[in-house]
C-alpha cells in the first residue's frame, strides 16, 4: 500500500512535527510513503520516505498550485491520500475528482466557516 501525506503550510509547530512523525512512522506499516510539503521539511524525514517539495503556502485557490498537486498525485498514484489540516484538506477537496485513491483529511483545529 502506498500512502501520500500532504501538508500545505510552511510554519513550525505541533502540526508540522505530527506530519513528519506520522510519515516516518507509517514506514513500518505500509509499502511506500510519499510526503508532499515545503522544502524546509526535507531533512526531517526518514530515508525511506519519498519527499516531494512543493510550496503550498500560497492561496488555497491558486490554480497553478492545484495543478502541480494534481500532477504529483497522479504520477505517484497512491492508494491513500491524507491531507493534514484545514488548508491541505480544502485543497484536496477541490481537486478530488482528479486524484486517484482514497482521500482522507484530518482537521487539526475547527474554523468558524
PDB file of N, CA and C in Angstrom:
ATOM      1  N   UNK A   1       0.835  -1.171   0.000  1.00  0.00           N
ATOM      2  CA  UNK A   1       0.000   0.000   0.000  1.00  0.00           C
ATOM      3  C   UNK A   1       0.886   1.242   0.000  1.00  0.00           C
ATOM      4  N   UNK A   2       0.490   2.217  -0.782  1.00  0.00           N
ATOM      5  CA  UNK A   2       1.228   3.474  -0.891  1.00  0.00           C
ATOM      6  C   UNK A   2       0.380   4.597  -0.307  1.00  0.00           C
ATOM      7  N   UNK A   3       0.959   5.325   0.644  1.00  0.00           N
ATOM      8  CA  UNK A   3       0.272   6.431   1.303  1.00  0.00           C
ATOM      9  C   UNK A   3       0.993   7.733   0.979  1.00  0.00           C
ATOM     10  N   UNK A   4       0.207   8.743   0.645  1.00  0.00           N
ATOM     11  CA  UNK A   4       0.761  10.067   0.372  1.00  0.00           C
ATOM     12  C   UNK A   4       0.209  11.049   1.395  1.00  0.00           C
ATOM     13  N   UNK A   5       1.112  11.751   2.073  1.00  0.00           N
ATOM     14  CA  UNK A   5       0.760  12.749   3.071  1.00  0.00           C
ATOM     15  C   UNK A   5       0.974  14.142   2.465  1.00  0.00           C
ATOM     16  N   UNK A   6       0.041  15.065   2.742  1.00  0.00           N
ATOM     17  CA  UNK A   6       0.165  16.432   2.227  1.00  0.00           C
ATOM     18  C   UNK A   6       0.046  17.417   3.383  1.00  0.00           C
ATOM     19  N   UNK A   7       0.950  18.385   3.403  1.00  0.00           N
ATOM     20  CA  UNK A   7       0.836  19.495   4.338  1.00  0.00           C
ATOM     21  C   UNK A   7       1.076  20.785   3.569  1.00  0.00           C
ATOM     22  N   UNK A   8       0.185  21.744   3.743  1.00  0.00           N
ATOM     23  CA  UNK A   8       0.235  22.948   2.922  1.00  0.00           C
ATOM     24  C   UNK A   8       0.960  24.124   3.556  1.00  0.00           C
ATOM     25  N   UNK A   9       1.296  24.061   4.807  1.00  0.00           N
ATOM     26  CA  UNK A   9       1.921  25.210   5.468  1.00  0.00           C
ATOM     27  C   UNK A   9       3.433  25.220   5.359  1.00  0.00           C
ATOM     28  N   UNK A  10       4.013  26.269   5.920  1.00  0.00           N
ATOM     29  CA  UNK A  10       5.472  26.373   5.978  1.00  0.00           C
ATOM     30  C   UNK A  10       5.906  26.924   7.338  1.00  0.00           C
ATOM     31  N   UNK A  11       5.109  26.615   8.350  1.00  0.00           N
ATOM     32  CA  UNK A  11       5.374  27.129   9.687  1.00  0.00           C
ATOM     33  C   UNK A  11       6.068  26.076  10.542  1.00  0.00           C
ATOM     34  N   UNK A  12       6.294  26.404  11.794  1.00  0.00           N
ATOM     35  CA  UNK A  12       6.921  25.480  12.746  1.00  0.00           C
ATOM     36  C   UNK A  12       5.976  25.282  13.919  1.00  0.00           C
ATOM     37  N   UNK A  13       5.775  24.025  14.306  1.00  0.00           N
ATOM     38  CA  UNK A  13       4.916  23.769  15.456  1.00  0.00           C
ATOM     39  C   UNK A  13       4.496  22.319  15.537  1.00  0.00           C
ATOM     40  N   UNK A  14       3.468  22.083  16.314  1.00  0.00           N
ATOM     41  CA  UNK A  14       2.994  20.740  16.562  1.00  0.00           C
ATOM     42  C   UNK A  14       2.476  20.042  15.328  1.00  0.00           C
ATOM     43  N   UNK A  15       1.750  20.753  14.482  1.00  0.00           N
ATOM     44  CA  UNK A  15       1.216  20.145  13.260  1.00  0.00           C
ATOM     45  C   UNK A  15       2.343  19.656  12.359  1.00  0.00           C
ATOM     46  N   UNK A  16       3.346  20.473  12.201  1.00  0.00           N
ATOM     47  CA  UNK A  16       4.473  20.111  11.345  1.00  0.00           C
ATOM     48  C   UNK A  16       5.223  18.904  11.912  1.00  0.00           C
ATOM     49  N   UNK A  17       5.401  18.873  13.220  1.00  0.00           N
ATOM     50  CA  UNK A  17       6.039  17.723  13.852  1.00  0.00           C
ATOM     51  C   UNK A  17       5.198  16.459  13.664  1.00  0.00           C
ATOM     52  N   UNK A  18       3.891  16.605  13.804  1.00  0.00           N
ATOM     53  CA  UNK A  18       2.988  15.462  13.611  1.00  0.00           C
ATOM     54  C   UNK A  18       3.080  14.929  12.184  1.00  0.00           C
ATOM     55  N   UNK A  19       3.106  15.826  11.224  1.00  0.00           N
ATOM     56  CA  UNK A  19       3.214  15.454   9.808  1.00  0.00           C
ATOM     57  C   UNK A  19       4.461  14.609   9.561  1.00  0.00           C
ATOM     58  N   UNK A  20       5.579  15.045  10.092  1.00  0.00           N
ATOM     59  CA  UNK A  20       6.847  14.332   9.915  1.00  0.00           C
ATOM     60  C   UNK A  20       6.819  12.995  10.663  1.00  0.00           C
ATOM     61  N   UNK A  21       6.405  13.013  11.931  1.00  0.00           N
ATOM     62  CA  UNK A  21       6.391  11.783  12.736  1.00  0.00           C
ATOM     63  C   UNK A  21       5.435  10.739  12.166  1.00  0.00           C
ATOM     64  N   UNK A  22       4.272  11.167  11.710  1.00  0.00           N
ATOM     65  CA  UNK A  22       3.317  10.228  11.117  1.00  0.00           C
ATOM     66  C   UNK A  22       3.873   9.631   9.832  1.00  0.00           C
ATOM     67  N   UNK A  23       4.461  10.453   8.998  1.00  0.00           N
ATOM     68  CA  UNK A  23       5.045   9.954   7.748  1.00  0.00           C
ATOM     69  C   UNK A  23       6.150   8.946   8.030  1.00  0.00           C
ATOM     70  N   UNK A  24       7.034   9.269   8.951  1.00  0.00           N
ATOM     71  CA  UNK A  24       8.124   8.358   9.303  1.00  0.00           C
ATOM     72  C   UNK A  24       7.588   7.075   9.938  1.00  0.00           C
ATOM     73  N   UNK A  25       6.595   7.189  10.806  1.00  0.00           N
ATOM     74  CA  UNK A  25       6.024   6.030  11.471  1.00  0.00           C
ATOM     75  C   UNK A  25       5.273   5.093  10.539  1.00  0.00           C
ATOM     76  N   UNK A  26       4.690   5.637   9.497  1.00  0.00           N
ATOM     77  CA  UNK A  26       3.954   4.809   8.532  1.00  0.00           C
ATOM     78  C   UNK A  26       4.856   3.818   7.801  1.00  0.00           C
ATOM     79  N   UNK A  27       6.136   4.118   7.732  1.00  0.00           N
ATOM     80  CA  UNK A  27       7.071   3.219   7.036  1.00  0.00           C
ATOM     81  C   UNK A  27       7.027   1.800   7.582  1.00  0.00           C
ATOM     82  N   UNK A  28       6.708   1.657   8.869  1.00  0.00           N
ATOM     83  CA  UNK A  28       6.644   0.333   9.493  1.00  0.00           C
ATOM     84  C   UNK A  28       5.372  -0.426   9.151  1.00  0.00           C
ATOM     85  N   UNK A  29       4.407   0.253   8.517  1.00  0.00           N
ATOM     86  CA  UNK A  29       3.089  -0.352   8.323  1.00  0.00           C
ATOM     87  C   UNK A  29       2.611  -0.419   6.882  1.00  0.00           C
ATOM     88  N   UNK A  30       3.245   0.306   5.999  1.00  0.00           N
ATOM     89  CA  UNK A  30       2.836   0.310   4.590  1.00  0.00           C
ATOM     90  C   UNK A  30       4.061   0.098   3.702  1.00  0.00           C
ATOM     91  N   UNK A  31       3.821  -0.137   2.420  1.00  0.00           N
ATOM     92  CA  UNK A  31       4.914  -0.398   1.483  1.00  0.00           C
ATOM     93  C   UNK A  31       5.691   0.861   1.112  1.00  0.00           C
ATOM     94  N   UNK A  32       4.974   1.988   1.000  1.00  0.00           N
ATOM     95  CA  UNK A  32       5.606   3.196   0.492  1.00  0.00           C
ATOM     96  C   UNK A  32       4.925   4.427   1.081  1.00  0.00           C
ATOM     97  N   UNK A  33       5.739   5.427   1.435  1.00  0.00           N
ATOM     98  CA  UNK A  33       5.219   6.690   1.963  1.00  0.00           C
ATOM     99  C   UNK A  33       5.800   7.833   1.145  1.00  0.00           C
ATOM    100  N   UNK A  34       4.911   8.726   0.710  1.00  0.00           N
ATOM    101  CA  UNK A  34       5.304   9.933  -0.002  1.00  0.00           C
ATOM    102  C   UNK A  34       4.826  11.115   0.836  1.00  0.00           C
ATOM    103  N   UNK A  35       5.685  12.077   1.085  1.00  0.00           N
ATOM    104  CA  UNK A  35       5.320  13.288   1.816  1.00  0.00           C
ATOM    105  C   UNK A  35       5.478  14.483   0.888  1.00  0.00           C
ATOM    106  N   UNK A  36       4.432  15.271   0.784  1.00  0.00           N
ATOM    107  CA  UNK A  36       4.456  16.483  -0.034  1.00  0.00           C
ATOM    108  C   UNK A  36       4.364  17.674   0.901  1.00  0.00           C
ATOM    109  N   UNK A  37       5.356  18.542   0.826  1.00  0.00           N
ATOM    110  CA  UNK A  37       5.358  19.708   1.695  1.00  0.00           C
ATOM    111  C   UNK A  37       6.452  20.687   1.306  1.00  0.00           C
ATOM    112  N   UNK A  38       6.583  21.699   2.106  1.00  0.00           N
ATOM    113  CA  UNK A  38       7.578  22.747   1.864  1.00  0.00           C
ATOM    114  C   UNK A  38       8.990  22.172   1.957  1.00  0.00           C
ATOM    115  N   UNK A  39       9.885  22.667   1.131  1.00  0.00           N
ATOM    116  CA  UNK A  39      11.278  22.209   1.071  1.00  0.00           C
ATOM    117  C   UNK A  39      11.972  22.226   2.436  1.00  0.00           C
ATOM    118  N   UNK A  40      11.600  23.145   3.285  1.00  0.00           N
ATOM    119  CA  UNK A  40      12.281  23.283   4.574  1.00  0.00           C
ATOM    120  C   UNK A  40      12.137  22.056   5.465  1.00  0.00           C
ATOM    121  N   UNK A  41      11.187  21.175   5.170  1.00  0.00           N
ATOM    122  CA  UNK A  41      10.965  19.980   5.992  1.00  0.00           C
ATOM    123  C   UNK A  41      11.750  18.755   5.502  1.00  0.00           C
ATOM    124  N   UNK A  42      12.362  18.827   4.345  1.00  0.00           N
ATOM    125  CA  UNK A  42      13.000  17.673   3.704  1.00  0.00           C
ATOM    126  C   UNK A  42      13.907  16.871   4.653  1.00  0.00           C
ATOM    127  N   UNK A  43      14.773  17.533   5.375  1.00  0.00           N
ATOM    128  CA  UNK A  43      15.783  16.839   6.179  1.00  0.00           C
ATOM    129  C   UNK A  43      15.197  16.098   7.382  1.00  0.00           C
ATOM    130  N   UNK A  44      13.943  16.312   7.695  1.00  0.00           N
ATOM    131  CA  UNK A  44      13.333  15.708   8.884  1.00  0.00           C
ATOM    132  C   UNK A  44      12.769  14.307   8.642  1.00  0.00           C
ATOM    133  N   UNK A  45      12.702  13.899   7.392  1.00  0.00           N
ATOM    134  CA  UNK A  45      12.079  12.616   7.078  1.00  0.00           C
ATOM    135  C   UNK A  45      13.091  11.477   7.075  1.00  0.00           C
ATOM    136  N   UNK A  46      12.614  10.305   7.452  1.00  0.00           N
ATOM    137  CA  UNK A  46      13.440   9.093   7.421  1.00  0.00           C
ATOM    138  C   UNK A  46      13.836   8.809   5.973  1.00  0.00           C
ATOM    139  N   UNK A  47      14.962   8.120   5.775  1.00  0.00           N
ATOM    140  CA  UNK A  47      15.420   7.836   4.412  1.00  0.00           C
ATOM    141  C   UNK A  47      14.397   7.097   3.544  1.00  0.00           C
ATOM    142  N   UNK A  48      13.515   6.315   4.130  1.00  0.00           N
ATOM    143  CA  UNK A  48      12.535   5.557   3.348  1.00  0.00           C
ATOM    144  C   UNK A  48      11.349   6.360   2.856  1.00  0.00           C
ATOM    145  N   UNK A  49      11.167   7.572   3.359  1.00  0.00           N
ATOM    146  CA  UNK A  49      10.054   8.422   2.933  1.00  0.00           C
ATOM    147  C   UNK A  49      10.480   9.192   1.685  1.00  0.00           C
ATOM    148  N   UNK A  50       9.676   9.086   0.648  1.00  0.00           N
ATOM    149  CA  UNK A  50       9.939   9.872  -0.566  1.00  0.00           C
ATOM    150  C   UNK A  50       9.365  11.267  -0.330  1.00  0.00           C
ATOM    151  N   UNK A  51      10.226  12.252  -0.289  1.00  0.00           N
ATOM    152  CA  UNK A  51       9.787  13.625  -0.057  1.00  0.00           C
ATOM    153  C   UNK A  51       9.731  14.368  -1.381  1.00  0.00           C
ATOM    154  N   UNK A  52       8.617  15.042  -1.603  1.00  0.00           N
ATOM    155  CA  UNK A  52       8.455  15.874  -2.797  1.00  0.00           C
ATOM    156  C   UNK A  52       8.200  17.301  -2.328  1.00  0.00           C
ATOM    157  N   UNK A  53       9.121  18.178  -2.651  1.00  0.00           N
ATOM    158  CA  UNK A  53       8.993  19.577  -2.242  1.00  0.00           C
ATOM    159  C   UNK A  53       7.987  20.287  -3.137  1.00  0.00           C
ATOM    160  N   UNK A  54       7.005  20.883  -2.490  1.00  0.00           N
ATOM    161  CA  UNK A  54       6.011  21.688  -3.195  1.00  0.00           C
ATOM    162  C   UNK A  54       5.563  22.773  -2.234  1.00  0.00           C
ATOM    163  N   UNK A  55       5.824  24.016  -2.593  1.00  0.00           N
ATOM    164  CA  UNK A  55       5.452  25.139  -1.734  1.00  0.00           C
ATOM    165  C   UNK A  55       3.969  25.422  -1.907  1.00  0.00           C
ATOM    166  N   UNK A  56       3.179  24.959  -0.949  1.00  0.00           N
ATOM    167  CA  UNK A  56       1.733  25.165  -0.985  1.00  0.00           C
ATOM    168  C   UNK A  56       1.308  26.297  -0.053  1.00  0.00           C
ATOM    169  N   UNK A  57       2.240  27.173   0.280  1.00  0.00           N
ATOM    170  CA  UNK A  57       1.948  28.237   1.227  1.00  0.00           C
ATOM    171  C   UNK A  57       1.157  29.388   0.601  1.00  0.00           C
ATOM    172  N   UNK A  58       1.069  29.412  -0.719  1.00  0.00           N
ATOM    173  CA  UNK A  58       0.252  30.439  -1.370  1.00  0.00           C
ATOM    174  C   UNK A  58      -1.233  30.131  -1.162  1.00  0.00           C
ATOM    175  N   UNK A  59      -2.104  30.867  -1.783  1.00  0.00           N
ATOM    176  CA  UNK A  59      -3.544  30.701  -1.603  1.00  0.00           C
ATOM    177  C   UNK A  59      -4.046  29.312  -1.978  1.00  0.00           C
ATOM    178  N   UNK A  60      -5.024  28.845  -1.235  1.00  0.00           N
ATOM    179  CA  UNK A  60      -5.573  27.505  -1.476  1.00  0.00           C
ATOM    180  C   UNK A  60      -6.362  27.397  -2.775  1.00  0.00           C
ATOM    181  N   UNK A  61      -6.673  28.530  -3.395  1.00  0.00           N
ATOM    182  CA  UNK A  61      -7.404  28.524  -4.678  1.00  0.00           C
ATOM    183  C   UNK A  61      -6.493  28.796  -5.874  1.00  0.00           C
ATOM    184  N   UNK A  62      -5.208  28.865  -5.656  1.00  0.00           N
ATOM    185  CA  UNK A  62      -4.232  29.139  -6.700  1.00  0.00           C
ATOM    186  C   UNK A  62      -4.237  27.985  -7.710  1.00  0.00           C
ATOM    187  N   UNK A  63      -4.669  28.260  -8.940  1.00  0.00           N
ATOM    188  CA  UNK A  63      -4.848  27.209  -9.947  1.00  0.00           C
ATOM    189  C   UNK A  63      -3.546  26.522 -10.340  1.00  0.00           C
ATOM    190  N   UNK A  64      -2.472  27.273 -10.438  1.00  0.00           N
ATOM    191  CA  UNK A  64      -1.177  26.683 -10.781  1.00  0.00           C
ATOM    192  C   UNK A  64      -0.722  25.724  -9.682  1.00  0.00           C
ATOM    193  N   UNK A  65      -0.884  26.146  -8.467  1.00  0.00           N
ATOM    194  CA  UNK A  65      -0.525  25.322  -7.319  1.00  0.00           C
ATOM    195  C   UNK A  65      -1.372  24.040  -7.281  1.00  0.00           C
ATOM    196  N   UNK A  66      -2.672  24.151  -7.512  1.00  0.00           N
ATOM    197  CA  UNK A  66      -3.557  22.984  -7.529  1.00  0.00           C
ATOM    198  C   UNK A  66      -3.204  22.043  -8.680  1.00  0.00           C
ATOM    199  N   UNK A  67      -2.863  22.610  -9.836  1.00  0.00           N
ATOM    200  CA  UNK A  67      -2.478  21.784 -10.981  1.00  0.00           C
ATOM    201  C   UNK A  67      -1.192  21.009 -10.690  1.00  0.00           C
ATOM    202  N   UNK A  68      -0.241  21.643 -10.040  1.00  0.00           N
ATOM    203  CA  UNK A  68       1.006  20.942  -9.676  1.00  0.00           C
ATOM    204  C   UNK A  68       0.723  19.798  -8.708  1.00  0.00           C
ATOM    205  N   UNK A  69      -0.170  20.034  -7.757  1.00  0.00           N
ATOM    206  CA  UNK A  69      -0.530  18.994  -6.798  1.00  0.00           C
ATOM    207  C   UNK A  69      -1.220  17.824  -7.505  1.00  0.00           C
ATOM    208  N   UNK A  70      -2.116  18.120  -8.429  1.00  0.00           N
ATOM    209  CA  UNK A  70      -2.775  17.063  -9.216  1.00  0.00           C
ATOM    210  C   UNK A  70      -1.733  16.253  -9.973  1.00  0.00           C
ATOM    211  N   UNK A  71      -0.812  16.919 -10.627  1.00  0.00           N
ATOM    212  CA  UNK A  71       0.226  16.241 -11.413  1.00  0.00           C
ATOM    213  C   UNK A  71       1.035  15.287 -10.548  1.00  0.00           C
ATOM    214  N   UNK A  72       1.451  15.749  -9.380  1.00  0.00           N
ATOM    215  CA  UNK A  72       2.245  14.905  -8.478  1.00  0.00           C
ATOM    216  C   UNK A  72       1.428  13.714  -8.010  1.00  0.00           C
ATOM    217  N   UNK A  73       0.203  13.942  -7.588  1.00  0.00           N
ATOM    218  CA  UNK A  73      -0.616  12.845  -7.075  1.00  0.00           C
ATOM    219  C   UNK A  73      -0.947  11.820  -8.153  1.00  0.00           C
ATOM    220  N   UNK A  74      -1.178  12.275  -9.360  1.00  0.00           N
ATOM    221  CA  UNK A  74      -1.444  11.316 -10.445  1.00  0.00           C
ATOM    222  C   UNK A  74      -0.190  10.527 -10.798  1.00  0.00           C
ATOM    223  N   UNK A  75       0.952  11.176 -10.773  1.00  0.00           N
ATOM    224  CA  UNK A  75       2.211  10.490 -11.061  1.00  0.00           C
ATOM    225  C   UNK A  75       2.533   9.461  -9.981  1.00  0.00           C
ATOM    226  N   UNK A  76       2.321   9.816  -8.730  1.00  0.00           N
ATOM    227  CA  UNK A  76       2.623   8.913  -7.618  1.00  0.00           C
ATOM    228  C   UNK A  76       1.585   7.802  -7.479  1.00  0.00           C
ATOM    229  N   UNK A  77       0.353   8.071  -7.869  1.00  0.00           N
ATOM    230  CA  UNK A  77      -0.751   7.107  -7.836  1.00  0.00           C
ATOM    231  C   UNK A  77      -0.859   6.362  -6.496  1.00  0.00           C
ATOM    232  N   UNK A  78      -1.062   7.098  -5.402  1.00  0.00           N
ATOM    233  CA  UNK A  78      -1.144   6.456  -4.087  1.00  0.00           C
ATOM    234  C   UNK A  78      -2.479   5.749  -3.880  1.00  0.00           C
ATOM    235  N   UNK A  79      -2.476   4.798  -2.961  1.00  0.00           N
ATOM    236  CA  UNK A  79      -3.725   4.137  -2.569  1.00  0.00           C
ATOM    237  C   UNK A  79      -4.529   5.038  -1.642  1.00  0.00           C
ATOM    238  N   UNK A  80      -3.822   5.787  -0.799  1.00  0.00           N
ATOM    239  CA  UNK A  80      -4.450   6.709   0.155  1.00  0.00           C
ATOM    240  C   UNK A  80      -3.739   8.048   0.080  1.00  0.00           C
ATOM    241  N   UNK A  81      -4.525   9.124   0.010  1.00  0.00           N
ATOM    242  CA  UNK A  81      -4.002  10.484   0.078  1.00  0.00           C
ATOM    243  C   UNK A  81      -4.539  11.086   1.370  1.00  0.00           C
ATOM    244  N   UNK A  82      -3.640  11.510   2.244  1.00  0.00           N
ATOM    245  CA  UNK A  82      -4.019  12.048   3.548  1.00  0.00           C
ATOM    246  C   UNK A  82      -3.569  13.494   3.639  1.00  0.00           C
ATOM    247  N   UNK A  83      -4.535  14.404   3.676  1.00  0.00           N
ATOM    248  CA  UNK A  83      -4.249  15.831   3.803  1.00  0.00           C
ATOM    249  C   UNK A  83      -4.306  16.228   5.273  1.00  0.00           C
ATOM    250  N   UNK A  84      -3.292  16.957   5.731  1.00  0.00           N
ATOM    251  CA  UNK A  84      -3.190  17.378   7.123  1.00  0.00           C
ATOM    252  C   UNK A  84      -3.569  18.845   7.266  1.00  0.00           C
ATOM    253  N   UNK A  85      -4.564  19.132   8.069  1.00  0.00           N
ATOM    254  CA  UNK A  85      -5.005  20.476   8.453  1.00  0.00           C
ATOM    255  C   UNK A  85      -5.916  21.116   7.404  1.00  0.00           C
ATOM    256  N   UNK A  86      -6.528  22.210   7.819  1.00  0.00           N
ATOM    257  CA  UNK A  86      -7.603  22.841   7.054  1.00  0.00           C
ATOM    258  C   UNK A  86      -7.240  23.184   5.614  1.00  0.00           C
ATOM    259  N   UNK A  87      -6.115  23.821   5.419  1.00  0.00           N
ATOM    260  CA  UNK A  87      -5.752  24.277   4.088  1.00  0.00           C
ATOM    261  C   UNK A  87      -5.522  23.103   3.135  1.00  0.00           C
ATOM    262  N   UNK A  88      -4.749  22.121   3.559  1.00  0.00           N
ATOM    263  CA  UNK A  88      -4.486  20.958   2.705  1.00  0.00           C
ATOM    264  C   UNK A  88      -5.767  20.172   2.443  1.00  0.00           C
ATOM    265  N   UNK A  89      -6.635  20.068   3.448  1.00  0.00           N
ATOM    266  CA  UNK A  89      -7.912  19.368   3.277  1.00  0.00           C
ATOM    267  C   UNK A  89      -8.762  20.093   2.237  1.00  0.00           C
ATOM    268  N   UNK A  90      -8.824  21.414   2.330  1.00  0.00           N
ATOM    269  CA  UNK A  90      -9.592  22.207   1.371  1.00  0.00           C
ATOM    270  C   UNK A  90      -9.042  22.037  -0.047  1.00  0.00           C
ATOM    271  N   UNK A  91      -7.729  22.059  -0.176  1.00  0.00           N
ATOM    272  CA  UNK A  91      -7.110  21.903  -1.492  1.00  0.00           C
ATOM    273  C   UNK A  91      -7.411  20.517  -2.073  1.00  0.00           C
ATOM    274  N   UNK A  92      -7.291  19.486  -1.252  1.00  0.00           N
ATOM    275  CA  UNK A  92      -7.577  18.137  -1.722  1.00  0.00           C
ATOM    276  C   UNK A  92      -9.045  17.996  -2.114  1.00  0.00           C
ATOM    277  N   UNK A  93      -9.936  18.612  -1.366  1.00  0.00           N
ATOM    278  CA  UNK A  93     -11.357  18.567  -1.702  1.00  0.00           C
ATOM    279  C   UNK A  93     -11.623  19.211  -3.065  1.00  0.00           C
ATOM    280  N   UNK A  94     -10.928  20.291  -3.371  1.00  0.00           N
ATOM    281  CA  UNK A  94     -11.118  20.985  -4.647  1.00  0.00           C
ATOM    282  C   UNK A  94     -10.671  20.147  -5.851  1.00  0.00           C
ATOM    283  N   UNK A  95      -9.675  19.280  -5.642  1.00  0.00           N
ATOM    284  CA  UNK A  95      -9.135  18.509  -6.775  1.00  0.00           C
ATOM    285  C   UNK A  95      -9.482  17.021  -6.696  1.00  0.00           C
ATOM    286  N   UNK A  96     -10.333  16.639  -5.781  1.00  0.00           N
ATOM    287  CA  UNK A  96     -10.590  15.221  -5.518  1.00  0.00           C
ATOM    288  C   UNK A  96     -11.038  14.433  -6.743  1.00  0.00           C
ATOM    289  N   UNK A  97     -11.743  15.053  -7.654  1.00  0.00           N
ATOM    290  CA  UNK A  97     -12.206  14.347  -8.860  1.00  0.00           C
ATOM    291  C   UNK A  97     -11.041  13.946  -9.766  1.00  0.00           C
ATOM    292  N   UNK A  98      -9.890  14.584  -9.601  1.00  0.00           N
ATOM    293  CA  UNK A  98      -8.741  14.331 -10.467  1.00  0.00           C
ATOM    294  C   UNK A  98      -7.648  13.500  -9.798  1.00  0.00           C
ATOM    295  N   UNK A  99      -7.896  13.075  -8.558  1.00  0.00           N
ATOM    296  CA  UNK A  99      -6.873  12.425  -7.746  1.00  0.00           C
ATOM    297  C   UNK A  99      -7.230  10.961  -7.514  1.00  0.00           C
ATOM    298  N   UNK A 100      -6.279  10.053  -7.750  1.00  0.00           N
ATOM    299  CA  UNK A 100      -6.550   8.630  -7.524  1.00  0.00           C
ATOM    300  C   UNK A 100      -6.528   8.262  -6.047  1.00  0.00           C
ATOM    301  N   UNK A 101      -7.090   7.131  -5.715  1.00  0.00           N
ATOM    302  CA  UNK A 101      -7.023   6.573  -4.369  1.00  0.00           C
ATOM    303  C   UNK A 101      -8.072   7.137  -3.431  1.00  0.00           C
ATOM    304  N   UNK A 102      -8.061   6.607  -2.221  1.00  0.00           N
ATOM    305  CA  UNK A 102      -8.931   7.115  -1.175  1.00  0.00           C
ATOM    306  C   UNK A 102      -8.367   8.425  -0.682  1.00  0.00           C
ATOM    307  N   UNK A 103      -9.244   9.365  -0.382  1.00  0.00           N
ATOM    308  CA  UNK A 103      -8.824  10.681   0.070  1.00  0.00           C
ATOM    309  C   UNK A 103      -9.331  10.904   1.487  1.00  0.00           C
ATOM    310  N   UNK A 104      -8.418  11.256   2.367  1.00  0.00           N
ATOM    311  CA  UNK A 104      -8.735  11.463   3.780  1.00  0.00           C
ATOM    312  C   UNK A 104      -8.190  12.821   4.196  1.00  0.00           C
ATOM    313  N   UNK A 105      -8.946  13.528   5.004  1.00  0.00           N
ATOM    314  CA  UNK A 105      -8.486  14.797   5.537  1.00  0.00           C
ATOM    315  C   UNK A 105      -8.605  14.814   7.039  1.00  0.00           C
ATOM    316  N   UNK A 106      -7.586  15.315   7.712  1.00  0.00           N
ATOM    317  CA  UNK A 106      -7.607  15.460   9.159  1.00  0.00           C
ATOM    318  C   UNK A 106      -7.553  16.937   9.495  1.00  0.00           C
ATOM    319  N   UNK A 107      -8.608  17.426  10.142  1.00  0.00           N
ATOM    320  CA  UNK A 107      -8.639  18.814  10.596  1.00  0.00           C
ATOM    321  C   UNK A 107      -8.036  18.866  11.986  1.00  0.00           C
ATOM    322  N   UNK A 108      -7.089  19.746  12.190  1.00  0.00           N
ATOM    323  CA  UNK A 108      -6.402  19.838  13.472  1.00  0.00           C
ATOM    324  C   UNK A 108      -6.933  20.987  14.333  1.00  0.00           C
ATOM    325  N   UNK A 109      -7.771  21.814  13.763  1.00  0.00           N
ATOM    326  CA  UNK A 109      -8.450  22.864  14.513  1.00  0.00           C
ATOM    327  C   UNK A 109      -9.751  23.169  13.795  1.00  0.00           C
ATOM    328  N   UNK A 110     -10.687  23.661  14.526  1.00  0.00           N
ATOM    329  CA  UNK A 110     -12.003  23.928  13.938  1.00  0.00           C
ATOM    330  C   UNK A 110     -12.138  25.409  13.582  1.00  0.00           C
ATOM    331  N   UNK A 111     -12.470  25.662  12.325  1.00  0.00           N
ATOM    332  CA  UNK A 111     -12.680  27.031  11.872  1.00  0.00           C
ATOM    333  C   UNK A 111     -14.163  27.361  11.959  1.00  0.00           C
ATOM    334  N   UNK A 112     -14.477  28.633  12.102  1.00  0.00           N
ATOM    335  CA  UNK A 112     -15.889  29.039  12.196  1.00  0.00           C
ATOM    336  C   UNK A 112     -16.620  28.871  10.880  1.00  0.00           C
ATOM    337  N   UNK A 113     -15.874  29.019   9.744  1.00  0.00           N
ATOM    338  CA  UNK A 113     -16.538  28.904   8.441  1.00  0.00           C
ATOM    339  C   UNK A 113     -16.470  27.484   7.945  1.00  0.00           C
TER     340      UNK A 113
END
